[in-house]
Each structure stands twice: as structure tokens, then as C-alpha cells.
PDB file of N, CA and C in Angstrom:
ATOM      1  N   UNK A   1      77.848  90.975 109.813  1.00  0.00           N
ATOM      2  CA  UNK A   1      77.753  90.426 108.478  1.00  0.00           C
ATOM      3  C   UNK A   1      76.285  90.364 108.072  1.00  0.00           C
ATOM      4  N   UNK A   2      76.036  90.690 106.803  1.00  0.00           N
ATOM      5  CA  UNK A   2      74.704  90.589 106.235  1.00  0.00           C
ATOM      6  C   UNK A   2      74.701  89.391 105.297  1.00  0.00           C
ATOM      7  N   UNK A   3      73.695  88.546 105.448  1.00  0.00           N
ATOM      8  CA  UNK A   3      73.543  87.369 104.590  1.00  0.00           C
ATOM      9  C   UNK A   3      72.119  87.353 104.063  1.00  0.00           C
ATOM     10  N   UNK A   4      71.973  87.212 102.738  1.00  0.00           N
ATOM     11  CA  UNK A   4      70.661  87.199 102.104  1.00  0.00           C
ATOM     12  C   UNK A   4      70.565  85.960 101.236  1.00  0.00           C
ATOM     13  N   UNK A   5      69.458  85.236 101.372  1.00  0.00           N
ATOM     14  CA  UNK A   5      69.171  84.084 100.523  1.00  0.00           C
ATOM     15  C   UNK A   5      67.802  84.314  99.891  1.00  0.00           C
ATOM     16  N   UNK A   6      67.724  84.136  98.576  1.00  0.00           N
ATOM     17  CA  UNK A   6      66.444  84.289  97.881  1.00  0.00           C
ATOM     18  C   UNK A   6      66.212  83.061  97.017  1.00  0.00           C
ATOM     19  N   UNK A   7      64.940  82.846  96.682  1.00  0.00           N
ATOM     20  CA  UNK A   7      64.566  81.681  95.893  1.00  0.00           C
ATOM     21  C   UNK A   7      63.631  82.108  94.776  1.00  0.00           C
ATOM     22  N   UNK A   8      63.787  81.469  93.633  1.00  0.00           N
ATOM     23  CA  UNK A   8      62.897  81.698  92.497  1.00  0.00           C
ATOM     24  C   UNK A   8      62.853  80.432  91.673  1.00  0.00           C
ATOM     25  N   UNK A   9      61.679  79.900  91.482  1.00  0.00           N
ATOM     26  CA  UNK A   9      61.526  78.729  90.640  1.00  0.00           C
ATOM     27  C   UNK A   9      62.329  77.529  91.113  1.00  0.00           C
ATOM     28  N   UNK A  10      62.437  77.347  92.413  1.00  0.00           N
ATOM     29  CA  UNK A  10      63.172  76.215  92.948  1.00  0.00           C
ATOM     30  C   UNK A  10      64.676  76.407  93.028  1.00  0.00           C
ATOM     31  N   UNK A  11      65.182  77.516  92.533  1.00  0.00           N
ATOM     32  CA  UNK A  11      66.618  77.825  92.615  1.00  0.00           C
ATOM     33  C   UNK A  11      66.841  78.811  93.742  1.00  0.00           C
ATOM     34  N   UNK A  12      67.967  78.650  94.432  1.00  0.00           N
ATOM     35  CA  UNK A  12      68.314  79.534  95.544  1.00  0.00           C
ATOM     36  C   UNK A  12      69.635  80.214  95.262  1.00  0.00           C
ATOM     37  N   UNK A  13      69.727  81.472  95.649  1.00  0.00           N
ATOM     38  CA  UNK A  13      70.987  82.219  95.551  1.00  0.00           C
ATOM     39  C   UNK A  13      71.236  82.871  96.900  1.00  0.00           C
ATOM     40  N   UNK A  14      72.497  82.972  97.259  1.00  0.00           N
ATOM     41  CA  UNK A  14      72.876  83.535  98.541  1.00  0.00           C
ATOM     42  C   UNK A  14      74.042  84.492  98.343  1.00  0.00           C
ATOM     43  N   UNK A  15      74.028  85.571  99.107  1.00  0.00           N
ATOM     44  CA  UNK A  15      75.132  86.538  99.072  1.00  0.00           C
ATOM     45  C   UNK A  15      75.423  86.973 100.500  1.00  0.00           C
ATOM     46  N   UNK A  16      76.701  87.285 100.756  1.00  0.00           N
ATOM     47  CA  UNK A  16      77.143  87.745 102.084  1.00  0.00           C
ATOM     48  C   UNK A  16      78.060  88.940 101.915  1.00  0.00           C
ATOM     49  N   UNK A  17      78.009  89.824 102.910  1.00  0.00           N
ATOM     50  CA  UNK A  17      78.894  90.987 102.891  1.00  0.00           C
ATOM     51  C   UNK A  17      79.052  91.486 104.323  1.00  0.00           C
ATOM     52  N   UNK A  18      80.259  91.897 104.660  1.00  0.00           N
ATOM     53  CA  UNK A  18      80.518  92.463 105.989  1.00  0.00           C
ATOM     54  C   UNK A  18      80.121  93.928 106.015  1.00  0.00           C
ATOM     55  N   UNK A  19      79.582  94.347 107.165  1.00  0.00           N
ATOM     56  CA  UNK A  19      79.207  95.748 107.340  1.00  0.00           C
ATOM     57  C   UNK A  19      79.586  96.187 108.742  1.00  0.00           C
ATOM     58  N   UNK A  20      80.320  97.256 108.819  1.00  0.00           N
ATOM     59  CA  UNK A  20      80.698  97.821 110.107  1.00  0.00           C
ATOM     60  C   UNK A  20      80.363  99.302 110.066  1.00  0.00           C
ATOM     61  N   UNK A  21      79.684  99.782 111.084  1.00  0.00           N
ATOM     62  CA  UNK A  21      79.374 101.206 111.132  1.00  0.00           C
ATOM     63  C   UNK A  21      77.965 101.459 111.609  1.00  0.00           C
ATOM     64  N   UNK A  22      77.496 102.647 111.322  1.00  0.00           N
ATOM     65  CA  UNK A  22      76.174 103.077 111.745  1.00  0.00           C
ATOM     66  C   UNK A  22      75.092 102.371 110.948  1.00  0.00           C
ATOM     67  N   UNK A  23      73.847 102.579 111.365  1.00  0.00           N
ATOM     68  CA  UNK A  23      72.728 101.892 110.731  1.00  0.00           C
ATOM     69  C   UNK A  23      72.674 102.148 109.223  1.00  0.00           C
ATOM     70  N   UNK A  24      72.963 103.358 108.788  1.00  0.00           N
ATOM     71  CA  UNK A  24      72.886 103.666 107.357  1.00  0.00           C
ATOM     72  C   UNK A  24      73.851 102.799 106.554  1.00  0.00           C
ATOM     73  N   UNK A  25      75.012 102.501 107.128  1.00  0.00           N
ATOM     74  CA  UNK A  25      75.983 101.627 106.460  1.00  0.00           C
ATOM     75  C   UNK A  25      75.427 100.215 106.386  1.00  0.00           C
ATOM     76  N   UNK A  26      74.824  99.737 107.462  1.00  0.00           N
ATOM     77  CA  UNK A  26      74.244  98.405 107.497  1.00  0.00           C
ATOM     78  C   UNK A  26      73.094  98.284 106.501  1.00  0.00           C
ATOM     79  N   UNK A  27      72.265  99.308 106.407  1.00  0.00           N
ATOM     80  CA  UNK A  27      71.137  99.274 105.464  1.00  0.00           C
ATOM     81  C   UNK A  27      71.623  99.245 104.027  1.00  0.00           C
ATOM     82  N   UNK A  28      72.630 100.048 103.718  1.00  0.00           N
ATOM     83  CA  UNK A  28      73.176 100.038 102.350  1.00  0.00           C
ATOM     84  C   UNK A  28      73.802  98.682 102.036  1.00  0.00           C
ATOM     85  N   UNK A  29      74.515  98.122 102.993  1.00  0.00           N
ATOM     86  CA  UNK A  29      75.118  96.806 102.821  1.00  0.00           C
ATOM     87  C   UNK A  29      74.041  95.753 102.554  1.00  0.00           C
ATOM     88  N   UNK A  30      72.946  95.805 103.308  1.00  0.00           N
ATOM     89  CA  UNK A  30      71.847  94.858 103.108  1.00  0.00           C
ATOM     90  C   UNK A  30      71.243  95.003 101.714  1.00  0.00           C
ATOM     91  N   UNK A  31      71.104  96.230 101.247  1.00  0.00           N
ATOM     92  CA  UNK A  31      70.560  96.467  99.916  1.00  0.00           C
ATOM     93  C   UNK A  31      71.503  95.921  98.837  1.00  0.00           C
ATOM     94  N   UNK A  32      72.799  96.209  98.969  1.00  0.00           N
ATOM     95  CA  UNK A  32      73.782  95.716  97.989  1.00  0.00           C
ATOM     96  C   UNK A  32      73.851  94.200  97.991  1.00  0.00           C
ATOM     97  N   UNK A  33      73.772  93.597  99.170  1.00  0.00           N
ATOM     98  CA  UNK A  33      73.827  92.144  99.274  1.00  0.00           C
ATOM     99  C   UNK A  33      72.600  91.514  98.632  1.00  0.00           C
ATOM    100  N   UNK A  34      71.445  92.120  98.825  1.00  0.00           N
ATOM    101  CA  UNK A  34      70.223  91.612  98.198  1.00  0.00           C
ATOM    102  C   UNK A  34      70.325  91.693  96.682  1.00  0.00           C
ATOM    103  N   UNK A  35      70.835  92.802  96.166  1.00  0.00           N
ATOM    104  CA  UNK A  35      71.012  92.925  94.715  1.00  0.00           C
ATOM    105  C   UNK A  35      72.011  91.890  94.193  1.00  0.00           C
ATOM    106  N   UNK A  36      73.070  91.626  94.939  1.00  0.00           N
ATOM    107  CA  UNK A  36      74.044  90.606  94.529  1.00  0.00           C
ATOM    108  C   UNK A  36      73.384  89.238  94.442  1.00  0.00           C
ATOM    109  N   UNK A  37      72.523  88.903  95.397  1.00  0.00           N
ATOM    110  CA  UNK A  37      71.815  87.625  95.364  1.00  0.00           C
ATOM    111  C   UNK A  37      70.853  87.563  94.177  1.00  0.00           C
ATOM    112  N   UNK A  38      70.176  88.663  93.896  1.00  0.00           N
ATOM    113  CA  UNK A  38      69.271  88.698  92.734  1.00  0.00           C
ATOM    114  C   UNK A  38      70.055  88.465  91.453  1.00  0.00           C
ATOM    115  N   UNK A  39      71.185  89.147  91.296  1.00  0.00           N
ATOM    116  CA  UNK A  39      71.988  88.982  90.085  1.00  0.00           C
ATOM    117  C   UNK A  39      72.518  87.559  89.966  1.00  0.00           C
ATOM    118  N   UNK A  40      72.922  86.962  91.082  1.00  0.00           N
ATOM    119  CA  UNK A  40      73.386  85.577  91.050  1.00  0.00           C
ATOM    120  C   UNK A  40      72.257  84.644  90.637  1.00  0.00           C
ATOM    121  N   UNK A  41      71.082  84.863  91.178  1.00  0.00           N
ATOM    122  CA  UNK A  41      69.930  84.024  90.867  1.00  0.00           C
ATOM    123  C   UNK A  41      69.548  84.117  89.398  1.00  0.00           C
ATOM    124  N   UNK A  42      69.607  85.321  88.848  1.00  0.00           N
ATOM    125  CA  UNK A  42      69.235  85.517  87.445  1.00  0.00           C
ATOM    126  C   UNK A  42      70.308  84.990  86.501  1.00  0.00           C
ATOM    127  N   UNK A  43      71.550  84.892  86.983  1.00  0.00           N
ATOM    128  CA  UNK A  43      72.630  84.366  86.149  1.00  0.00           C
ATOM    129  C   UNK A  43      72.849  85.174  84.886  1.00  0.00           C
ATOM    130  N   UNK A  44      72.637  86.447  84.963  1.00  0.00           N
ATOM    131  CA  UNK A  44      72.764  87.321  83.795  1.00  0.00           C
ATOM    132  C   UNK A  44      73.583  88.538  84.207  1.00  0.00           C
ATOM    133  N   UNK A  45      73.904  89.391  83.253  1.00  0.00           N
ATOM    134  CA  UNK A  45      74.593  90.632  83.626  1.00  0.00           C
ATOM    135  C   UNK A  45      73.750  91.414  84.629  1.00  0.00           C
ATOM    136  N   UNK A  46      74.398  92.287  85.359  1.00  0.00           N
ATOM    137  CA  UNK A  46      73.669  93.079  86.345  1.00  0.00           C
ATOM    138  C   UNK A  46      72.532  93.839  85.677  1.00  0.00           C
ATOM    139  N   UNK A  47      71.365  93.779  86.298  1.00  0.00           N
ATOM    140  CA  UNK A  47      70.184  94.449  85.767  1.00  0.00           C
ATOM    141  C   UNK A  47      69.789  95.660  86.597  1.00  0.00           C
ATOM    142  N   UNK A  48      70.317  95.723  87.835  1.00  0.00           N
ATOM    143  CA  UNK A  48      69.918  96.781  88.753  1.00  0.00           C
ATOM    144  C   UNK A  48      71.141  97.392  89.427  1.00  0.00           C
ATOM    145  N   UNK A  49      71.053  98.681  89.715  1.00  0.00           N
ATOM    146  CA  UNK A  49      72.088  99.373  90.483  1.00  0.00           C
ATOM    147  C   UNK A  49      71.389 100.094  91.635  1.00  0.00           C
ATOM    148  N   UNK A  50      72.007 100.057  92.792  1.00  0.00           N
ATOM    149  CA  UNK A  50      71.415 100.675  93.967  1.00  0.00           C
ATOM    150  C   UNK A  50      71.526 102.196  93.901  1.00  0.00           C
ATOM    151  N   UNK A  51      70.410 102.858  94.129  1.00  0.00           N
ATOM    152  CA  UNK A  51      70.403 104.310  94.293  1.00  0.00           C
ATOM    153  C   UNK A  51      70.526 104.618  95.780  1.00  0.00           C
ATOM    154  N   UNK A  52      69.752 103.922  96.607  1.00  0.00           N
ATOM    155  CA  UNK A  52      69.848 104.133  98.041  1.00  0.00           C
ATOM    156  C   UNK A  52      68.784 103.377  98.800  1.00  0.00           C
ATOM    157  N   UNK A  53      68.977 103.299 100.110  1.00  0.00           N
ATOM    158  CA  UNK A  53      68.006 102.684 101.016  1.00  0.00           C
ATOM    159  C   UNK A  53      68.098 103.433 102.341  1.00  0.00           C
ATOM    160  N   UNK A  54      66.951 103.767 102.908  1.00  0.00           N
ATOM    161  CA  UNK A  54      66.987 104.496 104.179  1.00  0.00           C
ATOM    162  C   UNK A  54      65.720 104.270 104.970  1.00  0.00           C
ATOM    163  N   UNK A  55      65.863 104.489 106.261  1.00  0.00           N
ATOM    164  CA  UNK A  55      64.726 104.438 107.198  1.00  0.00           C
ATOM    165  C   UNK A  55      64.029 105.793 107.134  1.00  0.00           C
ATOM    166  N   UNK A  56      62.703 105.759 107.078  1.00  0.00           N
ATOM    167  CA  UNK A  56      61.904 106.978 107.010  1.00  0.00           C
ATOM    168  C   UNK A  56      60.717 106.827 107.957  1.00  0.00           C
ATOM    169  N   UNK A  57      60.346 107.906 108.620  1.00  0.00           N
ATOM    170  CA  UNK A  57      59.123 107.906 109.414  1.00  0.00           C
ATOM    171  C   UNK A  57      58.000 108.453 108.558  1.00  0.00           C
ATOM    172  N   UNK A  58      56.946 107.674 108.432  1.00  0.00           N
ATOM    173  CA  UNK A  58      55.792 108.098 107.649  1.00  0.00           C
ATOM    174  C   UNK A  58      54.520 107.633 108.357  1.00  0.00           C
ATOM    175  N   UNK A  59      53.611 108.532 108.589  1.00  0.00           N
ATOM    176  CA  UNK A  59      52.340 108.201 109.230  1.00  0.00           C
ATOM    177  C   UNK A  59      52.570 107.493 110.568  1.00  0.00           C
ATOM    178  N   UNK A  60      53.516 107.990 111.328  1.00  0.00           N
ATOM    179  CA  UNK A  60      53.851 107.456 112.653  1.00  0.00           C
ATOM    180  C   UNK A  60      54.376 106.025 112.617  1.00  0.00           C
ATOM    181  N   UNK A  61      54.914 105.601 111.489  1.00  0.00           N
ATOM    182  CA  UNK A  61      55.492 104.267 111.357  1.00  0.00           C
ATOM    183  C   UNK A  61      56.862 104.370 110.714  1.00  0.00           C
ATOM    184  N   UNK A  62      57.760 103.502 111.149  1.00  0.00           N
ATOM    185  CA  UNK A  62      59.084 103.429 110.526  1.00  0.00           C
ATOM    186  C   UNK A  62      59.003 102.497 109.317  1.00  0.00           C
ATOM    187  N   UNK A  63      59.487 102.986 108.177  1.00  0.00           N
ATOM    188  CA  UNK A  63      59.506 102.182 106.953  1.00  0.00           C
ATOM    189  C   UNK A  63      60.896 102.276 106.322  1.00  0.00           C
ATOM    190  N   UNK A  64      61.190 101.327 105.482  1.00  0.00           N
ATOM    191  CA  UNK A  64      62.400 101.371 104.668  1.00  0.00           C
ATOM    192  C   UNK A  64      61.985 101.707 103.252  1.00  0.00           C
ATOM    193  N   UNK A  65      62.605 102.735 102.699  1.00  0.00           N
ATOM    194  CA  UNK A  65      62.457 103.065 101.284  1.00  0.00           C
ATOM    195  C   UNK A  65      63.732 102.631 100.584  1.00  0.00           C
ATOM    196  N   UNK A  66      63.577 101.916  99.485  1.00  0.00           N
ATOM    197  CA  UNK A  66      64.728 101.497  98.697  1.00  0.00           C
ATOM    198  C   UNK A  66      64.486 101.917  97.254  1.00  0.00           C
ATOM    199  N   UNK A  67      65.536 102.393  96.615  1.00  0.00           N
ATOM    200  CA  UNK A  67      65.442 102.816  95.224  1.00  0.00           C
ATOM    201  C   UNK A  67      66.573 102.173  94.437  1.00  0.00           C
ATOM    202  N   UNK A  68      66.220 101.541  93.321  1.00  0.00           N
ATOM    203  CA  UNK A  68      67.209 100.987  92.402  1.00  0.00           C
ATOM    204  C   UNK A  68      66.903 101.541  91.020  1.00  0.00           C
ATOM    205  N   UNK A  69      67.908 101.517  90.166  1.00  0.00           N
ATOM    206  CA  UNK A  69      67.673 101.893  88.774  1.00  0.00           C
ATOM    207  C   UNK A  69      68.039 100.703  87.906  1.00  0.00           C
ATOM    208  N   UNK A  70      67.369 100.609  86.781  1.00  0.00           N
ATOM    209  CA  UNK A  70      67.677  99.522  85.855  1.00  0.00           C
ATOM    210  C   UNK A  70      68.960  99.861  85.104  1.00  0.00           C
ATOM    211  N   UNK A  71      69.678  98.825  84.720  1.00  0.00           N
ATOM    212  CA  UNK A  71      70.926  98.968  83.976  1.00  0.00           C
ATOM    213  C   UNK A  71      70.685  98.411  82.581  1.00  0.00           C
ATOM    214  N   UNK A  72      71.074  99.158  81.569  1.00  0.00           N
ATOM    215  CA  UNK A  72      70.848  98.729  80.195  1.00  0.00           C
ATOM    216  C   UNK A  72      69.419  99.041  79.770  1.00  0.00           C
ATOM    217  N   UNK A  73      69.233  99.184  78.492  1.00  0.00           N
ATOM    218  CA  UNK A  73      67.896  99.510  77.998  1.00  0.00           C
ATOM    219  C   UNK A  73      67.469 100.879  78.457  1.00  0.00           C
ATOM    220  N   UNK A  74      66.169 101.077  78.502  1.00  0.00           N
ATOM    221  CA  UNK A  74      65.621 102.350  78.951  1.00  0.00           C
ATOM    222  C   UNK A  74      65.765 102.447  80.467  1.00  0.00           C
ATOM    223  N   UNK A  75      66.484 103.448  80.977  1.00  0.00           N
ATOM    224  CA  UNK A  75      66.673 103.538  82.426  1.00  0.00           C
ATOM    225  C   UNK A  75      65.357 103.831  83.144  1.00  0.00           C
ATOM    226  N   UNK A  76      65.153 103.138  84.241  1.00  0.00           N
ATOM    227  CA  UNK A  76      63.971 103.335  85.079  1.00  0.00           C
ATOM    228  C   UNK A  76      64.399 103.309  86.535  1.00  0.00           C
ATOM    229  N   UNK A  77      63.741 104.110  87.351  1.00  0.00           N
ATOM    230  CA  UNK A  77      63.932 104.029  88.796  1.00  0.00           C
ATOM    231  C   UNK A  77      62.775 103.225  89.365  1.00  0.00           C
ATOM    232  N   UNK A  78      63.107 102.303  90.249  1.00  0.00           N
ATOM    233  CA  UNK A  78      62.115 101.448  90.887  1.00  0.00           C
ATOM    234  C   UNK A  78      62.200 101.676  92.389  1.00  0.00           C
ATOM    235  N   UNK A  79      61.045 101.844  93.036  1.00  0.00           N
ATOM    236  CA  UNK A  79      60.988 102.144  94.461  1.00  0.00           C
ATOM    237  C   UNK A  79      60.291 101.003  95.192  1.00  0.00           C
ATOM    238  N   UNK A  80      60.860 100.608  96.329  1.00  0.00           N
ATOM    239  CA  UNK A  80      60.227  99.627  97.199  1.00  0.00           C
ATOM    240  C   UNK A  80      60.068 100.224  98.583  1.00  0.00           C
ATOM    241  N   UNK A  81      58.991  99.875  99.260  1.00  0.00           N
ATOM    242  CA  UNK A  81      58.726 100.398 100.601  1.00  0.00           C
ATOM    243  C   UNK A  81      58.170  99.269 101.456  1.00  0.00           C
ATOM    244  N   UNK A  82      58.772  99.087 102.645  1.00  0.00           N
ATOM    245  CA  UNK A  82      58.358  98.024 103.552  1.00  0.00           C
ATOM    246  C   UNK A  82      58.386  98.560 104.984  1.00  0.00           C
ATOM    247  N   UNK A  83      57.349  98.282 105.769  1.00  0.00           N
ATOM    248  CA  UNK A  83      57.392  98.695 107.171  1.00  0.00           C
ATOM    249  C   UNK A  83      58.448  97.900 107.930  1.00  0.00           C
ATOM    250  N   UNK A  84      59.064  98.537 108.900  1.00  0.00           N
ATOM    251  CA  UNK A  84      60.026  97.841 109.758  1.00  0.00           C
ATOM    252  C   UNK A  84      59.227  97.262 110.911  1.00  0.00           C
ATOM    253  N   UNK A  85      59.105  95.951 110.957  1.00  0.00           N
ATOM    254  CA  UNK A  85      58.377  95.314 112.049  1.00  0.00           C
ATOM    255  C   UNK A  85      59.329  94.782 113.108  1.00  0.00           C
ATOM    256  N   UNK A  86      60.498  94.304 112.705  1.00  0.00           N
ATOM    257  CA  UNK A  86      61.475  93.795 113.659  1.00  0.00           C
ATOM    258  C   UNK A  86      62.882  94.169 113.231  1.00  0.00           C
ATOM    259  N   UNK A  87      63.383  93.528 112.197  1.00  0.00           N
ATOM    260  CA  UNK A  87      64.775  93.653 111.774  1.00  0.00           C
ATOM    261  C   UNK A  87      64.881  94.599 110.576  1.00  0.00           C
ATOM    262  N   UNK A  88      65.570  95.738 110.716  1.00  0.00           N
ATOM    263  CA  UNK A  88      65.692  96.658 109.583  1.00  0.00           C
ATOM    264  C   UNK A  88      66.434  96.050 108.390  1.00  0.00           C
ATOM    265  N   UNK A  89      67.361  95.117 108.636  1.00  0.00           N
ATOM    266  CA  UNK A  89      68.082  94.467 107.532  1.00  0.00           C
ATOM    267  C   UNK A  89      67.117  93.631 106.697  1.00  0.00           C
ATOM    268  N   UNK A  90      66.251  92.889 107.356  1.00  0.00           N
ATOM    269  CA  UNK A  90      65.246  92.100 106.641  1.00  0.00           C
ATOM    270  C   UNK A  90      64.294  93.024 105.883  1.00  0.00           C
ATOM    271  N   UNK A  91      63.933  94.148 106.490  1.00  0.00           N
ATOM    272  CA  UNK A  91      63.048  95.110 105.815  1.00  0.00           C
ATOM    273  C   UNK A  91      63.714  95.672 104.562  1.00  0.00           C
ATOM    274  N   UNK A  92      65.023  95.925 104.613  1.00  0.00           N
ATOM    275  CA  UNK A  92      65.733  96.422 103.425  1.00  0.00           C
ATOM    276  C   UNK A  92      65.688  95.372 102.318  1.00  0.00           C
ATOM    277  N   UNK A  93      65.978  94.127 102.662  1.00  0.00           N
ATOM    278  CA  UNK A  93      65.946  93.063 101.647  1.00  0.00           C
ATOM    279  C   UNK A  93      64.563  92.982 101.012  1.00  0.00           C
ATOM    280  N   UNK A  94      63.541  93.064 101.827  1.00  0.00           N
ATOM    281  CA  UNK A  94      62.167  93.005 101.288  1.00  0.00           C
ATOM    282  C   UNK A  94      61.847  94.231 100.437  1.00  0.00           C
ATOM    283  N   UNK A  95      62.341  95.398 100.826  1.00  0.00           N
ATOM    284  CA  UNK A  95      62.099  96.608 100.032  1.00  0.00           C
ATOM    285  C   UNK A  95      62.786  96.521  98.673  1.00  0.00           C
ATOM    286  N   UNK A  96      63.997  95.976  98.642  1.00  0.00           N
ATOM    287  CA  UNK A  96      64.691  95.779  97.358  1.00  0.00           C
ATOM    288  C   UNK A  96      63.897  94.806  96.487  1.00  0.00           C
ATOM    289  N   UNK A  97      63.421  93.713  97.078  1.00  0.00           N
ATOM    290  CA  UNK A  97      62.608  92.764  96.312  1.00  0.00           C
ATOM    291  C   UNK A  97      61.305  93.410  95.847  1.00  0.00           C
ATOM    292  N   UNK A  98      60.711  94.224  96.699  1.00  0.00           N
ATOM    293  CA  UNK A  98      59.490  94.931  96.325  1.00  0.00           C
ATOM    294  C   UNK A  98      59.733  95.812  95.100  1.00  0.00           C
ATOM    295  N   UNK A  99      60.886  96.467  95.071  1.00  0.00           N
ATOM    296  CA  UNK A  99      61.225  97.345  93.947  1.00  0.00           C
ATOM    297  C   UNK A  99      61.513  96.556  92.673  1.00  0.00           C
ATOM    298  N   UNK A 100      62.186  95.420  92.796  1.00  0.00           N
ATOM    299  CA  UNK A 100      62.662  94.699  91.610  1.00  0.00           C
ATOM    300  C   UNK A 100      61.729  93.600  91.116  1.00  0.00           C
ATOM    301  N   UNK A 101      60.821  93.114  91.946  1.00  0.00           N
ATOM    302  CA  UNK A 101      59.986  91.976  91.551  1.00  0.00           C
ATOM    303  C   UNK A 101      59.191  92.235  90.274  1.00  0.00           C
ATOM    304  N   UNK A 102      58.729  93.454  90.078  1.00  0.00           N
ATOM    305  CA  UNK A 102      57.945  93.738  88.874  1.00  0.00           C
ATOM    306  C   UNK A 102      58.760  93.496  87.614  1.00  0.00           C
ATOM    307  N   UNK A 103      60.044  93.793  87.668  1.00  0.00           N
ATOM    308  CA  UNK A 103      60.910  93.575  86.509  1.00  0.00           C
ATOM    309  C   UNK A 103      61.329  92.111  86.431  1.00  0.00           C
ATOM    310  N   UNK A 104      61.693  91.529  87.571  1.00  0.00           N
ATOM    311  CA  UNK A 104      62.145  90.138  87.592  1.00  0.00           C
ATOM    312  C   UNK A 104      61.032  89.202  87.123  1.00  0.00           C
ATOM    313  N   UNK A 105      59.805  89.474  87.524  1.00  0.00           N
ATOM    314  CA  UNK A 105      58.681  88.624  87.124  1.00  0.00           C
ATOM    315  C   UNK A 105      58.464  88.636  85.618  1.00  0.00           C
ATOM    316  N   UNK A 106      58.877  89.692  84.939  1.00  0.00           N
ATOM    317  CA  UNK A 106      58.707  89.798  83.494  1.00  0.00           C
ATOM    318  C   UNK A 106      59.830  89.112  82.721  1.00  0.00           C
ATOM    319  N   UNK A 107      60.864  88.651  83.411  1.00  0.00           N
ATOM    320  CA  UNK A 107      61.992  87.985  82.766  1.00  0.00           C
ATOM    321  C   UNK A 107      61.622  86.550  82.425  1.00  0.00           C
ATOM    322  N   UNK A 108      62.418  85.867  81.594  1.00  0.00           N
ATOM    323  CA  UNK A 108      62.141  84.459  81.287  1.00  0.00           C
ATOM    324  C   UNK A 108      61.921  83.658  82.566  1.00  0.00           C
ATOM    325  N   UNK A 109      61.083  82.636  82.468  1.00  0.00           N
ATOM    326  CA  UNK A 109      60.677  81.808  83.591  1.00  0.00           C
ATOM    327  C   UNK A 109      59.756  82.569  84.536  1.00  0.00           C
ATOM    328  N   UNK A 110      59.049  83.572  84.001  1.00  0.00           N
ATOM    329  CA  UNK A 110      58.169  84.376  84.829  1.00  0.00           C
ATOM    330  C   UNK A 110      57.026  83.553  85.398  1.00  0.00           C
ATOM    331  N   UNK A 111      56.737  82.400  84.763  1.00  0.00           N
ATOM    332  CA  UNK A 111      55.649  81.565  85.283  1.00  0.00           C
ATOM    333  C   UNK A 111      56.070  80.829  86.544  1.00  0.00           C
ATOM    334  N   UNK A 112      57.365  80.870  86.863  1.00  0.00           N
ATOM    335  CA  UNK A 112      57.826  80.261  88.095  1.00  0.00           C
ATOM    336  C   UNK A 112      57.648  81.258  89.239  1.00  0.00           C
ATOM    337  N   UNK A 113      57.861  80.807  90.456  1.00  0.00           N
ATOM    338  CA  UNK A 113      57.654  81.649  91.637  1.00  0.00           C
ATOM    339  C   UNK A 113      58.568  82.866  91.606  1.00  0.00           C
ATOM    340  N   UNK A 114      58.070  84.053  91.993  1.00  0.00           N
ATOM    341  CA  UNK A 114      58.916  85.250  92.052  1.00  0.00           C
ATOM    342  C   UNK A 114      59.916  85.144  93.195  1.00  0.00           C
ATOM    343  N   UNK A 115      60.917  85.996  93.140  1.00  0.00           N
ATOM    344  CA  UNK A 115      61.931  86.015  94.198  1.00  0.00           C
ATOM    345  C   UNK A 115      61.286  86.364  95.522  1.00  0.00           C
ATOM    346  N   UNK A 116      61.785  85.780  96.598  1.00  0.00           N
ATOM    347  CA  UNK A 116      61.283  86.065  97.933  1.00  0.00           C
ATOM    348  C   UNK A 116      62.430  85.976  98.909  1.00  0.00           C
ATOM    349  N   UNK A 117      62.293  86.612 100.040  1.00  0.00           N
ATOM    350  CA  UNK A 117      63.363  86.635 101.041  1.00  0.00           C
ATOM    351  C   UNK A 117      63.328  85.352 101.845  1.00  0.00           C
ATOM    352  N   UNK A 118      64.492  84.764 102.057  1.00  0.00           N
ATOM    353  CA  UNK A 118      64.619  83.624 102.962  1.00  0.00           C
ATOM    354  C   UNK A 118      65.270  84.099 104.243  1.00  0.00           C
ATOM    355  N   UNK A 119      64.940  83.479 105.356  1.00  0.00           N
ATOM    356  CA  UNK A 119      65.534  83.886 106.638  1.00  0.00           C
ATOM    357  C   UNK A 119      66.902  83.271 106.792  1.00  0.00           C
TER     358      UNK A 119
END
């Protein structure tokens, strides 16, 4: 099971989803769960759709690349990249936040703390 909790401006949102299978299935599940928590936190219609998330070797380091696209308005692709230091699921959640924070920070209440990953 993948569980993601995020916080913004003193509010917390949590999402859970079961994942069974190879690492790619777990990474996609982690990305979808993170997006679900973001949407719950924002309390608005879905703003992002997952394009994909995967482990990549770059410069002799393992990283997670995550790509989301915006929903509604002018479509944009947003990319997040985070090194895998321990847990690839946590790295996926951080990569999704890395991709979406620029848009989320521009939403109402932007003066409050941006979304961040909780353990």
C-alpha cells in the first residue's frame, strides 16, 4: 500500500492506494496517490493528470522523473526530478511535488506554505 500525506498552510491531506506488481506499478501508484492528495488538499476540480513516473540513471545516479499535465486552461507539461536516496516511493512523491509546486504556489493562499511531503 502507498500512503501519502501532504501539508499546505496548516491543512493536511492524505491519500492511500494499493499497489501490487513490479516497481513500475508501485511508482505509478505513488504518483497517482500523490496527485490524489494534492487534489484533496486544494479542494478543487482536478488540476493535474499523470503522464508518467519512472526511474532513470543519469550521471551515475538513480533519479525519478515525473511528468504531469495541467487540466483545463492552457495545457502544460510539468516535469519533476528527484534523486533516489532511499525509498523510490518517497522520491516519486517528491518528484510529483517538484513538478506541481510551481503551479500550486500560484493558486489562492500562495502566501501560505507550499505543499510538502510528510512521512
